[in-house]
């Protein structure tokens, strides 16, 4: 069976340390940005997310790119 995968949506998330809970564990939250161009290079996404991170009061822990693809039978 032949299938075709087409990239249809890209997003990015910035995970950050939002504080510490009562047990002393880090509280991690994420800010998601949808509708990133599917053709955007990883380097550009990292640059934008890093720049946005400098505007945040909390420590950035991780930057994640997420891709959604449509898979169909041929």
C-alpha atoms as a PDB file:
ATOM      1  CA  UNK A   1       0.000   0.000   0.000  1.00  0.00           C
ATOM      2  CA  UNK A   2       1.447   3.355  -1.024  1.00  0.00           C
ATOM      3  CA  UNK A   3       0.837   6.422   1.109  1.00  0.00           C
ATOM      4  CA  UNK A   4       1.638  10.084   0.773  1.00  0.00           C
ATOM      5  CA  UNK A   5       2.398  12.459   3.627  1.00  0.00           C
ATOM      6  CA  UNK A   6       1.909  16.211   3.225  1.00  0.00           C
ATOM      7  CA  UNK A   7       3.013  18.725   5.840  1.00  0.00           C
ATOM      8  CA  UNK A   8      -0.021  20.910   6.580  1.00  0.00           C
ATOM      9  CA  UNK A   9       0.725  22.799   9.795  1.00  0.00           C
ATOM     10  CA  UNK A  10       3.718  23.802  11.897  1.00  0.00           C
ATOM     11  CA  UNK A  11       3.832  25.296  15.349  1.00  0.00           C
ATOM     12  CA  UNK A  12       6.346  25.992  18.074  1.00  0.00           C
ATOM     13  CA  UNK A  13       6.228  25.909  21.836  1.00  0.00           C
ATOM     14  CA  UNK A  14       8.405  27.643  24.362  1.00  0.00           C
ATOM     15  CA  UNK A  15       8.572  25.694  27.621  1.00  0.00           C
ATOM     16  CA  UNK A  16       9.538  27.759  30.626  1.00  0.00           C
ATOM     17  CA  UNK A  17       9.988  27.489  34.376  1.00  0.00           C
ATOM     18  CA  UNK A  18       7.004  29.257  35.922  1.00  0.00           C
ATOM     19  CA  UNK A  19       7.986  28.724  39.542  1.00  0.00           C
ATOM     20  CA  UNK A  20       8.405  26.066  42.205  1.00  0.00           C
ATOM     21  CA  UNK A  21       5.597  24.065  43.811  1.00  0.00           C
ATOM     22  CA  UNK A  22       5.176  23.273  47.520  1.00  0.00           C
ATOM     23  CA  UNK A  23       7.360  20.167  47.188  1.00  0.00           C
ATOM     24  CA  UNK A  24      10.234  22.092  45.622  1.00  0.00           C
ATOM     25  CA  UNK A  25       9.632  20.799  42.086  1.00  0.00           C
ATOM     26  CA  UNK A  26       9.802  23.082  39.062  1.00  0.00           C
ATOM     27  CA  UNK A  27       6.470  24.188  37.625  1.00  0.00           C
ATOM     28  CA  UNK A  28       6.855  23.997  33.836  1.00  0.00           C
ATOM     29  CA  UNK A  29       4.444  25.749  31.495  1.00  0.00           C
ATOM     30  CA  UNK A  30       4.417  26.217  27.737  1.00  0.00           C
ATOM     31  CA  UNK A  31       3.398  28.985  25.369  1.00  0.00           C
ATOM     32  CA  UNK A  32       2.338  27.644  21.973  1.00  0.00           C
ATOM     33  CA  UNK A  33       2.496  29.602  18.744  1.00  0.00           C
ATOM     34  CA  UNK A  34       0.388  28.219  15.893  1.00  0.00           C
ATOM     35  CA  UNK A  35       0.435  28.963  12.194  1.00  0.00           C
ATOM     36  CA  UNK A  36       4.192  28.980  11.765  1.00  0.00           C
ATOM     37  CA  UNK A  37       5.078  28.698   8.080  1.00  0.00           C
ATOM     38  CA  UNK A  38       5.593  25.039   7.191  1.00  0.00           C
ATOM     39  CA  UNK A  39       8.612  26.074   5.124  1.00  0.00           C
ATOM     40  CA  UNK A  40      10.319  27.808   8.063  1.00  0.00           C
ATOM     41  CA  UNK A  41      13.819  26.501   8.743  1.00  0.00           C
ATOM     42  CA  UNK A  42      14.569  25.077  12.192  1.00  0.00           C
ATOM     43  CA  UNK A  43      17.261  27.729  12.628  1.00  0.00           C
ATOM     44  CA  UNK A  44      14.736  30.516  12.039  1.00  0.00           C
ATOM     45  CA  UNK A  45      12.235  29.030  14.470  1.00  0.00           C
ATOM     46  CA  UNK A  46      14.980  28.748  17.082  1.00  0.00           C
ATOM     47  CA  UNK A  47      16.044  32.353  16.479  1.00  0.00           C
ATOM     48  CA  UNK A  48      12.492  33.686  16.839  1.00  0.00           C
ATOM     49  CA  UNK A  49      11.746  31.569  19.911  1.00  0.00           C
ATOM     50  CA  UNK A  50      15.026  32.559  21.554  1.00  0.00           C
ATOM     51  CA  UNK A  51      14.282  36.226  20.892  1.00  0.00           C
ATOM     52  CA  UNK A  52      10.777  35.855  22.344  1.00  0.00           C
ATOM     53  CA  UNK A  53      12.311  34.074  25.318  1.00  0.00           C
ATOM     54  CA  UNK A  54      14.426  37.114  26.146  1.00  0.00           C
ATOM     55  CA  UNK A  55      11.183  39.084  26.559  1.00  0.00           C
ATOM     56  CA  UNK A  56       9.813  36.609  29.107  1.00  0.00           C
ATOM     57  CA  UNK A  57      10.396  37.048  32.822  1.00  0.00           C
ATOM     58  CA  UNK A  58      10.697  33.270  33.319  1.00  0.00           C
ATOM     59  CA  UNK A  59      13.599  30.994  32.384  1.00  0.00           C
ATOM     60  CA  UNK A  60      13.192  29.266  29.003  1.00  0.00           C
ATOM     61  CA  UNK A  61      13.822  25.535  29.331  1.00  0.00           C
ATOM     62  CA  UNK A  62      13.048  24.163  25.903  1.00  0.00           C
ATOM     63  CA  UNK A  63      11.919  25.125  22.414  1.00  0.00           C
ATOM     64  CA  UNK A  64       9.832  22.589  20.510  1.00  0.00           C
ATOM     65  CA  UNK A  65       8.793  22.495  16.865  1.00  0.00           C
ATOM     66  CA  UNK A  66       5.670  20.474  16.083  1.00  0.00           C
ATOM     67  CA  UNK A  67       4.564  19.418  12.605  1.00  0.00           C
ATOM     68  CA  UNK A  68       1.182  18.060  11.534  1.00  0.00           C
ATOM     69  CA  UNK A  69       0.967  15.996   8.376  1.00  0.00           C
ATOM     70  CA  UNK A  70      -1.933  14.705   6.333  1.00  0.00           C
ATOM     71  CA  UNK A  71      -1.444  11.050   5.368  1.00  0.00           C
ATOM     72  CA  UNK A  72      -3.514   9.581   2.528  1.00  0.00           C
ATOM     73  CA  UNK A  73      -3.622   6.360   0.507  1.00  0.00           C
ATOM     74  CA  UNK A  74      -2.513   6.640  -3.085  1.00  0.00           C
END
